[in-house]
Amino acid sequence: MREALKDAKVSRETTATAVKTASSRRDREWPRPDHCRVVTIANQKGGVGKTTSSVNLAASLAMHGAQVLVVDLDPQGNASTALGVEHHAEVPSIYEVLIEDMPLDDIVVPAPEIPNLYCAPATLNLAGAEIELVSKVARESRLRRALDAYDTNKFDYVLIDCPPSLGLLTVNALVGGDELLIPIQCEYYALEGLGQLIRTVDLVKAHLNQKLRVSTILLTMYDARTRLAAQVAEDVRSHFGDVVLNTVIPRSVRVSEAPSYGQSVMTYDPGSSGALAYSEAAYEMAHGGAVQ
């Protein structure tokens, strides 16, 4: 028990330090990659912060000068909502790209709140795409083909937000990405199901996309008041090592509220603990990994 309390204290101090450091780094110039980084954000477990992380990392990177595209592959379209992008049924979307071979260039739109940030929106039509993709030629590589035909060099980052499943949409995202970012919530059962995700990644790497690698693990929904959160964080770090970002994302009401206003937390409440933590996590990403 003494060790768990000590871990909780260390984690609280780490979070506090990260938040303070984030505010001091906010106005600095961040490095930009020498080529476009295509990062898939996936975890088949629902409610772990995939969309929240996609939107807020993208917003933070864009606010520091990077050109960023968010590809919304979730039929719920929550990333599109949070970026303030229209995604009703009549809007050309990622569905038309995957199913009807529409060029990505015809659907990508700027996010109205943040310069340098763009979105390939999802509509409810995407809900049927899992079934429709089954009969398509090269069904696992449709997104990769669309990205290859698109000028991704005008972007520094392409972040692909996945649905909470390991179906064909997520497989398309894994084939389309070079890196995988896995959000893991600091709660009970956090690691359950990750084995299946890692096995899927290994299969995709062996047969469809040799470049794919797990580059980043992001701990989300961290509650410093609980011993459980500290224990989960310790377990994840011991299991995944250096790919786990030093920054943890705390539970934050502001982070949850922001999408209902069509915003990321970076613009909704930039001084909140959630916004500062995501800014720090994006800073680590921009530097290629955990910052010591």
C-alpha atoms as a PDB file:
ATOM      1  CA  MET A   1       0.000   0.000   0.000  1.00  0.00           C
ATOM      2  CA  ARG A   2       2.872   2.351   0.853  1.00  0.00           C
ATOM      3  CA  GLU A   3       4.351   1.728  -2.605  1.00  0.00           C
ATOM      4  CA  ALA A   4       1.032   2.421  -4.330  1.00  0.00           C
ATOM      5  CA  LEU A   5       0.647   5.713  -2.455  1.00  0.00           C
ATOM      6  CA  LYS A   6       4.196   6.631  -3.378  1.00  0.00           C
ATOM      7  CA  ASP A   7       3.441   5.858  -7.058  1.00  0.00           C
ATOM      8  CA  ALA A   8       0.281   7.966  -6.929  1.00  0.00           C
ATOM      9  CA  LYS A   9       2.253  10.879  -5.463  1.00  0.00           C
ATOM     10  CA  VAL A  10       4.948  10.591  -8.135  1.00  0.00           C
ATOM     11  CA  SER A  11       2.306  10.458 -10.878  1.00  0.00           C
ATOM     12  CA  ARG A  12       0.544  13.539  -9.480  1.00  0.00           C
ATOM     13  CA  GLU A  13       3.846  15.394  -9.419  1.00  0.00           C
ATOM     14  CA  THR A  14       4.620  14.263 -12.978  1.00  0.00           C
ATOM     15  CA  THR A  15       1.239  15.492 -14.187  1.00  0.00           C
ATOM     16  CA  ALA A  16       1.610  18.836 -12.420  1.00  0.00           C
ATOM     17  CA  THR A  17       5.107  19.299 -13.870  1.00  0.00           C
ATOM     18  CA  ALA A  18       3.851  18.438 -17.355  1.00  0.00           C
ATOM     19  CA  VAL A  19       1.040  20.970 -17.122  1.00  0.00           C
ATOM     20  CA  LYS A  20       3.389  23.738 -15.936  1.00  0.00           C
ATOM     21  CA  THR A  21       5.934  22.899 -18.623  1.00  0.00           C
ATOM     22  CA  ALA A  22       3.250  22.878 -21.319  1.00  0.00           C
ATOM     23  CA  SER A  23       2.271  26.460 -20.595  1.00  0.00           C
ATOM     24  CA  SER A  24       5.888  27.612 -20.887  1.00  0.00           C
ATOM     25  CA  ARG A  25       6.356  25.775 -24.208  1.00  0.00           C
ATOM     26  CA  ARG A  26       3.118  26.882 -25.775  1.00  0.00           C
ATOM     27  CA  ASP A  27       4.536  29.833 -27.685  1.00  0.00           C
ATOM     28  CA  ARG A  28       7.785  28.209 -28.773  1.00  0.00           C
ATOM     29  CA  GLU A  29       8.497  26.966 -32.274  1.00  0.00           C
ATOM     30  CA  TRP A  30       8.083  23.209 -32.508  1.00  0.00           C
ATOM     31  CA  PRO A  31      10.109  21.076 -34.908  1.00  0.00           C
ATOM     32  CA  ARG A  32       8.325  19.870 -38.031  1.00  0.00           C
ATOM     33  CA  PRO A  33       8.995  16.406 -39.467  1.00  0.00           C
ATOM     34  CA  ASP A  34      11.042  16.096 -42.649  1.00  0.00           C
ATOM     35  CA  HIS A  35       8.223  14.040 -44.191  1.00  0.00           C
ATOM     36  CA  CYS A  36       4.516  13.598 -43.532  1.00  0.00           C
ATOM     37  CA  ARG A  37       3.878  11.368 -40.506  1.00  0.00           C
ATOM     38  CA  VAL A  38       0.741   9.266 -41.010  1.00  0.00           C
ATOM     39  CA  VAL A  39      -0.428   8.234 -37.539  1.00  0.00           C
ATOM     40  CA  THR A  40      -3.316   5.841 -36.960  1.00  0.00           C
ATOM     41  CA  ILE A  41      -5.032   6.266 -33.578  1.00  0.00           C
ATOM     42  CA  ALA A  42      -6.688   2.993 -32.638  1.00  0.00           C
ATOM     43  CA  ASN A  43      -7.909   0.850 -29.766  1.00  0.00           C
ATOM     44  CA  GLN A  44     -10.891  -1.446 -30.261  1.00  0.00           C
ATOM     45  CA  LYS A  45     -12.033  -0.735 -26.709  1.00  0.00           C
ATOM     46  CA  GLY A  46     -14.595   2.069 -26.681  1.00  0.00           C
ATOM     47  CA  GLY A  47     -14.389   5.171 -24.505  1.00  0.00           C
ATOM     48  CA  VAL A  48     -10.607   5.303 -24.165  1.00  0.00           C
ATOM     49  CA  GLY A  49     -10.160   8.742 -25.733  1.00  0.00           C
ATOM     50  CA  LYS A  50      -9.340   7.926 -29.373  1.00  0.00           C
ATOM     51  CA  THR A  51     -11.353  10.743 -30.925  1.00  0.00           C
ATOM     52  CA  THR A  52     -10.591  13.169 -28.108  1.00  0.00           C
ATOM     53  CA  SER A  53      -6.883  12.487 -28.513  1.00  0.00           C
ATOM     54  CA  SER A  54      -7.029  12.688 -32.331  1.00  0.00           C
ATOM     55  CA  VAL A  55      -8.751  16.065 -32.264  1.00  0.00           C
ATOM     56  CA  ASN A  56      -6.752  17.693 -29.477  1.00  0.00           C
ATOM     57  CA  LEU A  57      -3.341  16.445 -30.589  1.00  0.00           C
ATOM     58  CA  ALA A  58      -4.143  17.636 -34.113  1.00  0.00           C
ATOM     59  CA  ALA A  59      -5.331  21.025 -32.853  1.00  0.00           C
ATOM     60  CA  SER A  60      -2.264  21.493 -30.669  1.00  0.00           C
ATOM     61  CA  LEU A  61       0.151  20.561 -33.473  1.00  0.00           C
ATOM     62  CA  ALA A  62      -1.652  22.913 -35.872  1.00  0.00           C
ATOM     63  CA  MET A  63      -1.561  25.754 -33.337  1.00  0.00           C
ATOM     64  CA  HIS A  64       2.222  25.410 -33.307  1.00  0.00           C
ATOM     65  CA  GLY A  65       2.638  25.774 -37.038  1.00  0.00           C
ATOM     66  CA  ALA A  66       2.251  22.212 -38.332  1.00  0.00           C
ATOM     67  CA  GLN A  67      -0.048  21.435 -41.250  1.00  0.00           C
ATOM     68  CA  VAL A  68      -2.378  18.698 -39.992  1.00  0.00           C
ATOM     69  CA  LEU A  69      -5.092  16.545 -41.575  1.00  0.00           C
ATOM     70  CA  VAL A  70      -7.542  14.522 -39.473  1.00  0.00           C
ATOM     71  CA  VAL A  71      -9.127  11.590 -41.321  1.00  0.00           C
ATOM     72  CA  ASP A  72     -12.372  10.668 -39.545  1.00  0.00           C
ATOM     73  CA  LEU A  73     -12.975   6.922 -40.030  1.00  0.00           C
ATOM     74  CA  ASP A  74     -15.599   6.575 -37.286  1.00  0.00           C
ATOM     75  CA  PRO A  75     -19.205   6.427 -38.594  1.00  0.00           C
ATOM     76  CA  GLN A  76     -20.292   8.468 -35.561  1.00  0.00           C
ATOM     77  CA  GLY A  77     -18.320  11.398 -36.999  1.00  0.00           C
ATOM     78  CA  ASN A  78     -17.329  12.722 -33.571  1.00  0.00           C
ATOM     79  CA  ALA A  79     -13.973  14.033 -34.766  1.00  0.00           C
ATOM     80  CA  SER A  80     -15.740  15.978 -37.517  1.00  0.00           C
ATOM     81  CA  THR A  81     -18.136  17.407 -34.919  1.00  0.00           C
ATOM     82  CA  ALA A  82     -15.329  18.430 -32.568  1.00  0.00           C
ATOM     83  CA  LEU A  83     -13.524  20.210 -35.415  1.00  0.00           C
ATOM     84  CA  GLY A  84     -16.676  22.115 -36.349  1.00  0.00           C
ATOM     85  CA  VAL A  85     -16.850  20.469 -39.788  1.00  0.00           C
ATOM     86  CA  GLU A  86     -20.182  19.711 -41.443  1.00  0.00           C
ATOM     87  CA  HIS A  87     -20.825  15.989 -41.889  1.00  0.00           C
ATOM     88  CA  HIS A  88     -24.498  15.480 -42.699  1.00  0.00           C
ATOM     89  CA  ALA A  89     -25.495  12.839 -45.248  1.00  0.00           C
ATOM     90  CA  GLU A  90     -25.137  15.131 -48.297  1.00  0.00           C
ATOM     91  CA  VAL A  91     -21.544  16.119 -47.513  1.00  0.00           C
ATOM     92  CA  PRO A  92     -18.857  14.325 -49.556  1.00  0.00           C
ATOM     93  CA  SER A  93     -17.010  12.218 -47.012  1.00  0.00           C
ATOM     94  CA  ILE A  94     -14.504   9.457 -46.429  1.00  0.00           C
ATOM     95  CA  TYR A  95     -17.292   7.008 -47.353  1.00  0.00           C
ATOM     96  CA  GLU A  96     -17.192   8.154 -50.982  1.00  0.00           C
ATOM     97  CA  VAL A  97     -13.400   7.826 -50.940  1.00  0.00           C
ATOM     98  CA  LEU A  98     -13.451   4.227 -49.695  1.00  0.00           C
ATOM     99  CA  ILE A  99     -16.491   2.947 -51.589  1.00  0.00           C
ATOM    100  CA  GLU A 100     -16.762   5.117 -54.720  1.00  0.00           C
ATOM    101  CA  ASP A 101     -13.075   5.967 -55.310  1.00  0.00           C
ATOM    102  CA  MET A 102     -13.644   9.706 -54.905  1.00  0.00           C
ATOM    103  CA  PRO A 103     -10.292  11.541 -54.577  1.00  0.00           C
ATOM    104  CA  LEU A 104      -9.411  12.724 -51.060  1.00  0.00           C
ATOM    105  CA  ASP A 105      -8.857  16.174 -52.520  1.00  0.00           C
ATOM    106  CA  ASP A 106     -12.619  16.433 -53.140  1.00  0.00           C
ATOM    107  CA  ILE A 107     -13.617  15.932 -49.501  1.00  0.00           C
ATOM    108  CA  VAL A 108     -10.871  17.545 -47.375  1.00  0.00           C
ATOM    109  CA  VAL A 109     -12.064  20.807 -45.805  1.00  0.00           C
ATOM    110  CA  PRO A 110     -10.429  23.282 -43.390  1.00  0.00           C
ATOM    111  CA  ALA A 111     -11.443  23.270 -39.731  1.00  0.00           C
ATOM    112  CA  PRO A 112     -13.023  26.707 -39.173  1.00  0.00           C
ATOM    113  CA  GLU A 113     -11.605  27.364 -35.695  1.00  0.00           C
ATOM    114  CA  ILE A 114      -7.899  26.629 -36.247  1.00  0.00           C
ATOM    115  CA  PRO A 115      -5.602  27.592 -39.144  1.00  0.00           C
ATOM    116  CA  ASN A 116      -3.433  24.785 -40.605  1.00  0.00           C
ATOM    117  CA  LEU A 117      -5.958  22.137 -39.521  1.00  0.00           C
ATOM    118  CA  TYR A 118      -7.999  20.145 -42.053  1.00  0.00           C
ATOM    119  CA  CYS A 119     -10.500  17.311 -41.888  1.00  0.00           C
ATOM    120  CA  ALA A 120     -11.690  14.468 -44.110  1.00  0.00           C
ATOM    121  CA  PRO A 121     -15.156  14.126 -42.525  1.00  0.00           C
ATOM    122  CA  ALA A 122     -17.200  11.006 -41.808  1.00  0.00           C
ATOM    123  CA  THR A 123     -20.947  10.705 -42.302  1.00  0.00           C
ATOM    124  CA  LEU A 124     -23.436   8.084 -41.148  1.00  0.00           C
ATOM    125  CA  ASN A 125     -23.097   6.492 -44.601  1.00  0.00           C
ATOM    126  CA  LEU A 126     -19.844   5.065 -43.271  1.00  0.00           C
ATOM    127  CA  ALA A 127     -21.831   2.753 -40.990  1.00  0.00           C
ATOM    128  CA  GLY A 128     -22.545   0.499 -43.964  1.00  0.00           C
ATOM    129  CA  ALA A 129     -19.019   0.621 -45.312  1.00  0.00           C
ATOM    130  CA  GLU A 130     -17.859  -2.416 -43.326  1.00  0.00           C
ATOM    131  CA  ILE A 131     -20.296  -4.604 -45.298  1.00  0.00           C
ATOM    132  CA  GLU A 132     -19.775  -2.835 -48.634  1.00  0.00           C
ATOM    133  CA  LEU A 133     -15.983  -3.135 -48.396  1.00  0.00           C
ATOM    134  CA  VAL A 134     -16.182  -6.935 -48.232  1.00  0.00           C
ATOM    135  CA  SER A 135     -16.836  -7.237 -51.967  1.00  0.00           C
ATOM    136  CA  LYS A 136     -14.319  -4.575 -53.023  1.00  0.00           C
ATOM    137  CA  VAL A 137     -10.981  -5.371 -54.666  1.00  0.00           C
ATOM    138  CA  ALA A 138      -8.055  -4.800 -52.282  1.00  0.00           C
ATOM    139  CA  ARG A 139     -10.585  -3.988 -49.563  1.00  0.00           C
ATOM    140  CA  GLU A 140      -7.934  -3.590 -46.836  1.00  0.00           C
ATOM    141  CA  SER A 141      -5.888  -1.073 -48.852  1.00  0.00           C
ATOM    142  CA  ARG A 142      -8.522   1.376 -50.085  1.00  0.00           C
ATOM    143  CA  LEU A 143      -7.461   4.161 -47.715  1.00  0.00           C
ATOM    144  CA  ARG A 144      -3.770   3.603 -48.440  1.00  0.00           C
ATOM    145  CA  ARG A 145      -4.454   3.899 -52.165  1.00  0.00           C
ATOM    146  CA  ALA A 146      -6.385   7.133 -51.611  1.00  0.00           C
ATOM    147  CA  LEU A 147      -3.569   8.574 -49.488  1.00  0.00           C
ATOM    148  CA  ASP A 148      -0.954   7.554 -52.069  1.00  0.00           C
ATOM    149  CA  ALA A 149      -2.929   9.370 -54.767  1.00  0.00           C
ATOM    150  CA  TYR A 150      -3.239  12.470 -52.573  1.00  0.00           C
ATOM    151  CA  ASP A 151      -0.513  15.073 -52.027  1.00  0.00           C
ATOM    152  CA  THR A 152       0.156  14.306 -48.358  1.00  0.00           C
ATOM    153  CA  ASN A 153       3.475  16.169 -48.603  1.00  0.00           C
ATOM    154  CA  LYS A 154       1.597  19.413 -47.984  1.00  0.00           C
ATOM    155  CA  PHE A 155       0.907  18.116 -44.477  1.00  0.00           C
ATOM    156  CA  ASP A 156       3.252  17.439 -41.588  1.00  0.00           C
ATOM    157  CA  TYR A 157       0.830  15.034 -39.913  1.00  0.00           C
ATOM    158  CA  VAL A 158      -2.114  12.920 -41.004  1.00  0.00           C
ATOM    159  CA  LEU A 159      -3.991  11.572 -37.974  1.00  0.00           C
ATOM    160  CA  ILE A 160      -6.490   8.773 -38.670  1.00  0.00           C
ATOM    161  CA  ASP A 161      -9.262   8.416 -36.081  1.00  0.00           C
ATOM    162  CA  CYS A 162     -10.655   4.849 -35.918  1.00  0.00           C
ATOM    163  CA  PRO A 163     -13.949   3.341 -34.767  1.00  0.00           C
ATOM    164  CA  PRO A 164     -13.964   1.161 -31.618  1.00  0.00           C
ATOM    165  CA  SER A 165     -13.571  -2.129 -33.483  1.00  0.00           C
ATOM    166  CA  LEU A 166     -11.057  -4.207 -35.416  1.00  0.00           C
ATOM    167  CA  GLY A 167     -13.196  -4.354 -38.567  1.00  0.00           C
ATOM    168  CA  LEU A 168     -12.288  -3.367 -42.112  1.00  0.00           C
ATOM    169  CA  LEU A 169     -12.335   0.369 -41.365  1.00  0.00           C
ATOM    170  CA  THR A 170      -9.677  -0.023 -38.672  1.00  0.00           C
ATOM    171  CA  VAL A 171      -7.697  -2.438 -40.849  1.00  0.00           C
ATOM    172  CA  ASN A 172      -7.761   0.193 -43.625  1.00  0.00           C
ATOM    173  CA  ALA A 173      -6.405   2.706 -41.108  1.00  0.00           C
ATOM    174  CA  LEU A 174      -3.622   0.318 -40.049  1.00  0.00           C
ATOM    175  CA  VAL A 175      -2.673  -0.334 -43.663  1.00  0.00           C
ATOM    176  CA  GLY A 176      -2.830   3.386 -44.428  1.00  0.00           C
ATOM    177  CA  GLY A 177      -0.673   4.522 -41.493  1.00  0.00           C
ATOM    178  CA  ASP A 178       3.041   4.329 -40.834  1.00  0.00           C
ATOM    179  CA  GLU A 179       2.694   4.761 -37.073  1.00  0.00           C
ATOM    180  CA  LEU A 180       0.177   3.560 -34.517  1.00  0.00           C
ATOM    181  CA  LEU A 181      -0.794   5.615 -31.480  1.00  0.00           C
ATOM    182  CA  ILE A 182      -2.732   3.638 -28.853  1.00  0.00           C
ATOM    183  CA  PRO A 183      -4.682   5.576 -26.197  1.00  0.00           C
ATOM    184  CA  ILE A 184      -5.020   3.547 -22.990  1.00  0.00           C
ATOM    185  CA  GLN A 185      -7.288   4.708 -20.192  1.00  0.00           C
ATOM    186  CA  CYS A 186      -5.969   4.463 -16.635  1.00  0.00           C
ATOM    187  CA  GLU A 187      -8.796   2.267 -15.425  1.00  0.00           C
ATOM    188  CA  TYR A 188      -9.550  -1.358 -14.623  1.00  0.00           C
ATOM    189  CA  TYR A 189      -9.377  -3.669 -17.676  1.00  0.00           C
ATOM    190  CA  ALA A 190      -7.187  -1.092 -19.436  1.00  0.00           C
ATOM    191  CA  LEU A 191      -4.892  -3.722 -20.933  1.00  0.00           C
ATOM    192  CA  GLU A 192      -7.674  -6.171 -21.723  1.00  0.00           C
ATOM    193  CA  GLY A 193      -8.069  -6.623 -25.455  1.00  0.00           C
ATOM    194  CA  LEU A 194      -4.748  -4.972 -26.283  1.00  0.00           C
ATOM    195  CA  GLY A 195      -3.297  -8.379 -27.082  1.00  0.00           C
ATOM    196  CA  GLN A 196      -5.823  -8.741 -29.893  1.00  0.00           C
ATOM    197  CA  LEU A 197      -4.931  -5.296 -31.233  1.00  0.00           C
ATOM    198  CA  ILE A 198      -1.208  -6.096 -31.175  1.00  0.00           C
ATOM    199  CA  ARG A 199      -1.849  -9.420 -32.958  1.00  0.00           C
ATOM    200  CA  THR A 200      -3.842  -7.567 -35.622  1.00  0.00           C
ATOM    201  CA  VAL A 201      -0.977  -5.074 -35.988  1.00  0.00           C
ATOM    202  CA  ASP A 202       1.487  -7.952 -36.418  1.00  0.00           C
ATOM    203  CA  LEU A 203      -0.704  -9.536 -39.111  1.00  0.00           C
ATOM    204  CA  VAL A 204      -1.066  -6.232 -40.961  1.00  0.00           C
ATOM    205  CA  LYS A 205       2.688  -5.679 -40.717  1.00  0.00           C
ATOM    206  CA  ALA A 206       3.452  -9.170 -42.026  1.00  0.00           C
ATOM    207  CA  HIS A 207       1.040  -9.145 -44.958  1.00  0.00           C
ATOM    208  CA  LEU A 208      -0.111  -5.621 -45.824  1.00  0.00           C
ATOM    209  CA  ASN A 209       2.060  -2.833 -44.395  1.00  0.00           C
ATOM    210  CA  GLN A 210       5.633  -3.567 -43.373  1.00  0.00           C
ATOM    211  CA  LYS A 211       6.221   0.042 -42.298  1.00  0.00           C
ATOM    212  CA  LEU A 212       3.596  -0.019 -39.534  1.00  0.00           C
ATOM    213  CA  ARG A 213       4.959   0.307 -35.996  1.00  0.00           C
ATOM    214  CA  VAL A 214       3.590   1.135 -32.568  1.00  0.00           C
ATOM    215  CA  SER A 215       5.244   4.509 -32.065  1.00  0.00           C
ATOM    216  CA  THR A 216       3.224   6.029 -29.230  1.00  0.00           C
ATOM    217  CA  ILE A 217       1.188   4.984 -26.195  1.00  0.00           C
ATOM    218  CA  LEU A 218      -0.866   7.742 -24.546  1.00  0.00           C
ATOM    219  CA  LEU A 219      -2.289   7.304 -21.051  1.00  0.00           C
ATOM    220  CA  THR A 220      -5.713   8.945 -20.777  1.00  0.00           C
ATOM    221  CA  MET A 221      -8.390   9.608 -18.135  1.00  0.00           C
ATOM    222  CA  TYR A 222      -5.805   9.674 -15.373  1.00  0.00           C
ATOM    223  CA  ASP A 223      -7.238  10.327 -11.917  1.00  0.00           C
ATOM    224  CA  ALA A 224      -4.398  11.193  -9.529  1.00  0.00           C
ATOM    225  CA  ARG A 225      -6.683  10.593  -6.524  1.00  0.00           C
ATOM    226  CA  THR A 226      -6.757   6.842  -7.118  1.00  0.00           C
ATOM    227  CA  ARG A 227      -4.097   4.212  -6.564  1.00  0.00           C
ATOM    228  CA  LEU A 228      -5.535   2.261  -9.477  1.00  0.00           C
ATOM    229  CA  ALA A 229      -4.558   4.933 -12.011  1.00  0.00           C
ATOM    230  CA  ALA A 230      -0.968   4.930 -10.769  1.00  0.00           C
ATOM    231  CA  GLN A 231      -0.850   1.136 -10.888  1.00  0.00           C
ATOM    232  CA  VAL A 232      -2.230   0.996 -14.439  1.00  0.00           C
ATOM    233  CA  ALA A 233       0.263   3.646 -15.562  1.00  0.00           C
ATOM    234  CA  GLU A 234       3.100   1.646 -14.023  1.00  0.00           C
ATOM    235  CA  ASP A 235       1.904  -1.576 -15.691  1.00  0.00           C
ATOM    236  CA  VAL A 236       1.654   0.086 -19.101  1.00  0.00           C
ATOM    237  CA  ARG A 237       5.113   1.659 -18.798  1.00  0.00           C
ATOM    238  CA  SER A 238       6.688  -1.639 -17.736  1.00  0.00           C
ATOM    239  CA  HIS A 239       4.996  -3.445 -20.627  1.00  0.00           C
ATOM    240  CA  PHE A 240       5.538  -0.955 -23.465  1.00  0.00           C
ATOM    241  CA  GLY A 241       8.651   0.913 -22.329  1.00  0.00           C
ATOM    242  CA  ASP A 242       9.878   4.022 -24.118  1.00  0.00           C
ATOM    243  CA  VAL A 243       6.970   4.390 -26.526  1.00  0.00           C
ATOM    244  CA  VAL A 244       4.754   5.515 -23.611  1.00  0.00           C
ATOM    245  CA  LEU A 245       4.613   9.316 -23.479  1.00  0.00           C
ATOM    246  CA  ASN A 246       5.682  10.891 -20.196  1.00  0.00           C
ATOM    247  CA  THR A 247       2.580  13.075 -20.280  1.00  0.00           C
ATOM    248  CA  VAL A 248      -0.671  11.607 -18.979  1.00  0.00           C
ATOM    249  CA  ILE A 249      -4.057  13.085 -19.845  1.00  0.00           C
ATOM    250  CA  PRO A 250      -6.113  13.800 -16.711  1.00  0.00           C
ATOM    251  CA  ARG A 251      -9.852  13.419 -16.417  1.00  0.00           C
ATOM    252  CA  SER A 252     -11.246  16.808 -17.370  1.00  0.00           C
ATOM    253  CA  VAL A 253     -14.777  18.166 -17.589  1.00  0.00           C
ATOM    254  CA  ARG A 254     -13.582  20.760 -20.119  1.00  0.00           C
ATOM    255  CA  VAL A 255     -12.272  18.043 -22.445  1.00  0.00           C
ATOM    256  CA  SER A 256     -15.691  16.366 -22.349  1.00  0.00           C
ATOM    257  CA  GLU A 257     -17.610  19.626 -22.858  1.00  0.00           C
ATOM    258  CA  ALA A 258     -15.648  20.982 -25.813  1.00  0.00           C
ATOM    259  CA  PRO A 259     -17.126  18.794 -28.628  1.00  0.00           C
ATOM    260  CA  SER A 260     -20.669  19.902 -27.795  1.00  0.00           C
ATOM    261  CA  TYR A 261     -19.555  23.411 -28.827  1.00  0.00           C
ATOM    262  CA  GLY A 262     -17.956  22.140 -32.055  1.00  0.00           C
ATOM    263  CA  GLN A 263     -14.482  22.781 -30.670  1.00  0.00           C
ATOM    264  CA  SER A 264     -11.392  21.055 -29.395  1.00  0.00           C
ATOM    265  CA  VAL A 265     -10.450  21.779 -25.799  1.00  0.00           C
ATOM    266  CA  MET A 266      -7.458  23.703 -27.180  1.00  0.00           C
ATOM    267  CA  THR A 267      -9.792  26.506 -28.274  1.00  0.00           C
ATOM    268  CA  TYR A 268     -12.672  25.891 -25.853  1.00  0.00           C
ATOM    269  CA  ASP A 269     -10.569  26.309 -22.705  1.00  0.00           C
ATOM    270  CA  PRO A 270      -6.843  26.569 -23.523  1.00  0.00           C
ATOM    271  CA  GLY A 271      -5.913  27.122 -19.871  1.00  0.00           C
ATOM    272  CA  SER A 272      -7.567  23.938 -18.593  1.00  0.00           C
ATOM    273  CA  SER A 273      -5.545  20.999 -17.324  1.00  0.00           C
ATOM    274  CA  GLY A 274      -6.765  18.855 -20.221  1.00  0.00           C
ATOM    275  CA  ALA A 275      -5.694  21.373 -22.855  1.00  0.00           C
ATOM    276  CA  LEU A 276      -2.278  21.849 -21.266  1.00  0.00           C
ATOM    277  CA  ALA A 277      -1.762  18.095 -20.995  1.00  0.00           C
ATOM    278  CA  TYR A 278      -2.675  17.529 -24.648  1.00  0.00           C
ATOM    279  CA  SER A 279      -0.356  20.371 -25.613  1.00  0.00           C
ATOM    280  CA  GLU A 280       2.465  18.669 -23.741  1.00  0.00           C
ATOM    281  CA  ALA A 281       1.658  15.297 -25.322  1.00  0.00           C
ATOM    282  CA  ALA A 282       1.700  16.917 -28.774  1.00  0.00           C
ATOM    283  CA  TYR A 283       5.042  18.526 -27.901  1.00  0.00           C
ATOM    284  CA  GLU A 284       6.431  15.077 -27.149  1.00  0.00           C
ATOM    285  CA  MET A 285       5.018  13.757 -30.429  1.00  0.00           C
ATOM    286  CA  ALA A 286       6.595  16.626 -32.317  1.00  0.00           C
ATOM    287  CA  HIS A 287       9.954  15.675 -30.851  1.00  0.00           C
ATOM    288  CA  GLY A 288       9.496  12.076 -31.918  1.00  0.00           C
ATOM    289  CA  GLY A 289       8.712  10.481 -28.561  1.00  0.00           C
ATOM    290  CA  ALA A 290       8.940  10.893 -24.817  1.00  0.00           C
ATOM    291  CA  VAL A 291      10.752  14.017 -23.682  1.00  0.00           C
ATOM    292  CA  GLN A 292      12.915  13.470 -20.649  1.00  0.00           C
END
